[in-house]
Amino acid sequence: MEISNREVSYSRFFRITLISVLEYIAEDSLSNAEKFKDDLLIFLDEIKKYPDIYKEFGAWKTKSKFYRYRLFKKRYFVIFKVTKLKLVFVRIEYAKRNPDYYKALKKQ
């Protein structure tokens, strides 16, 4: 399997949702928020290498299976879009939400 050389970007929604998650964690512990961020950077680097191996995000199904996800720390969906030339990190969301929540997000 060949390591991906796609252009990587982070959507505005990814940055917004990440800030929200980090602020929530920091309310309890600043050091935990820093560790979360550091662990997430390593996690994202792993996705960047082989983004095609991850499952399609069920709430956002497409014919081309553009939207994929990986579960981070058993609690958060890291949702990303994979095309031939690009990898875009779309959102990071709490995984225990009602599935209808994610369907509504796609329309934004």
Protein backbone atom coordinates (compact mmCIF):
# COMPACT_ATOMS: atom_id res chain seq x y z
CA MET A 1 0.00 0.00 0.00
CA GLU A 2 1.36 3.38 -1.02
CA ILE A 3 1.42 6.36 1.34
CA SER A 4 -0.96 9.10 0.24
CA ASN A 5 0.44 12.31 -1.22
CA ARG A 6 -2.85 14.22 -1.29
CA GLU A 7 -3.07 17.89 -0.48
CA VAL A 8 -4.28 18.16 3.14
CA SER A 9 -6.54 20.91 4.48
CA TYR A 10 -8.77 21.59 7.46
CA SER A 11 -12.25 22.99 6.94
CA ARG A 12 -13.52 25.96 8.89
CA PHE A 13 -15.99 23.62 10.62
CA PHE A 14 -13.16 21.30 11.67
CA ARG A 15 -11.30 24.18 13.29
CA ILE A 16 -14.47 25.47 14.98
CA THR A 17 -15.48 22.08 16.35
CA LEU A 18 -11.92 21.36 17.50
CA ILE A 19 -11.76 24.65 19.41
CA SER A 20 -15.10 23.83 21.01
CA VAL A 21 -13.90 20.39 22.14
CA LEU A 22 -10.61 21.77 23.48
CA GLU A 23 -12.38 24.53 25.39
CA TYR A 24 -14.75 22.00 26.94
CA ILE A 25 -11.85 19.77 28.06
CA ALA A 26 -9.85 22.78 29.30
CA GLU A 27 -12.71 23.79 31.63
CA ASP A 28 -11.80 20.72 33.64
CA SER A 29 -8.06 20.48 32.97
CA LEU A 30 -5.77 22.55 30.78
CA SER A 31 -3.15 19.78 30.74
CA ASN A 32 -5.76 17.27 29.52
CA ALA A 33 -6.70 19.64 26.70
CA GLU A 34 -3.03 19.92 25.69
CA LYS A 35 -2.62 16.14 25.76
CA PHE A 36 -5.80 15.73 23.70
CA LYS A 37 -4.43 18.14 21.09
CA ASP A 38 -1.03 16.41 20.98
CA ASP A 39 -2.63 12.97 20.65
CA LEU A 40 -4.95 14.27 17.94
CA LEU A 41 -2.04 15.58 15.85
CA ILE A 42 -0.45 12.11 15.89
CA PHE A 43 -3.84 10.56 15.06
CA LEU A 44 -4.35 12.91 12.09
CA ASP A 45 -0.88 12.09 10.77
CA GLU A 46 -1.86 8.40 10.74
CA ILE A 47 -5.00 9.20 8.73
CA LYS A 48 -2.98 11.30 6.27
CA LYS A 49 -0.83 8.30 5.35
CA TYR A 50 -3.67 5.97 4.32
CA PRO A 51 -7.01 7.82 4.26
CA ASP A 52 -8.65 5.30 1.91
CA ILE A 53 -8.59 2.45 4.42
CA TYR A 54 -11.17 3.96 6.76
CA LYS A 55 -14.90 3.26 6.69
CA GLU A 56 -17.42 5.49 5.01
CA PHE A 57 -19.24 7.82 7.40
CA GLY A 58 -22.70 6.25 7.42
CA ALA A 59 -24.70 9.45 7.93
CA TRP A 60 -23.07 11.06 4.87
CA LYS A 61 -23.08 8.25 2.31
CA THR A 62 -22.19 9.10 -1.29
CA LYS A 63 -21.68 6.96 -4.39
CA SER A 64 -18.00 7.81 -4.36
CA LYS A 65 -17.63 7.22 -0.60
CA PHE A 66 -15.98 10.62 -0.17
CA TYR A 67 -16.77 11.00 3.53
CA ARG A 68 -14.93 8.72 5.89
CA TYR A 69 -14.30 8.67 9.61
CA ARG A 70 -12.08 7.31 12.31
CA LEU A 71 -12.97 7.09 15.99
CA PHE A 72 -10.62 9.05 18.26
CA LYS A 73 -10.30 8.13 21.95
CA LYS A 74 -13.51 6.05 21.70
CA ARG A 75 -15.57 9.27 21.90
CA TYR A 76 -15.03 11.47 18.87
CA PHE A 77 -15.62 11.02 15.17
CA VAL A 78 -12.93 12.60 13.04
CA ILE A 79 -14.77 13.06 9.75
CA PHE A 80 -12.80 13.67 6.58
CA LYS A 81 -13.38 13.91 2.84
CA VAL A 82 -11.13 11.94 0.50
CA THR A 83 -10.80 12.67 -3.22
CA LYS A 84 -8.08 11.70 -5.67
CA LEU A 85 -6.14 14.88 -5.03
CA LYS A 86 -7.27 16.12 -1.61
CA LEU A 87 -7.84 15.10 1.97
CA VAL A 88 -10.01 17.55 3.90
CA PHE A 89 -10.64 17.16 7.61
CA VAL A 90 -14.27 18.21 7.90
CA ARG A 91 -15.29 17.93 11.56
CA ILE A 92 -14.52 16.42 14.92
CA GLU A 93 -17.73 15.53 16.75
CA TYR A 94 -18.79 13.71 19.90
CA ALA A 95 -19.68 10.19 18.76
CA LYS A 96 -22.58 9.50 21.12
CA ARG A 97 -25.04 11.88 19.47
CA ASN A 98 -28.30 10.94 17.80
CA PRO A 99 -27.62 9.87 14.16
CA ASP A 100 -30.10 12.49 12.93
CA TYR A 101 -27.72 15.15 14.25
CA TYR A 102 -25.05 14.10 11.74
CA LYS A 103 -27.50 13.99 8.83
CA ALA A 104 -28.47 17.59 9.60
CA LEU A 105 -24.79 18.63 9.69
CA LYS A 106 -24.20 17.58 6.10
CA LYS A 107 -26.71 20.15 4.91
CA GLN A 108 -24.66 23.02 6.36
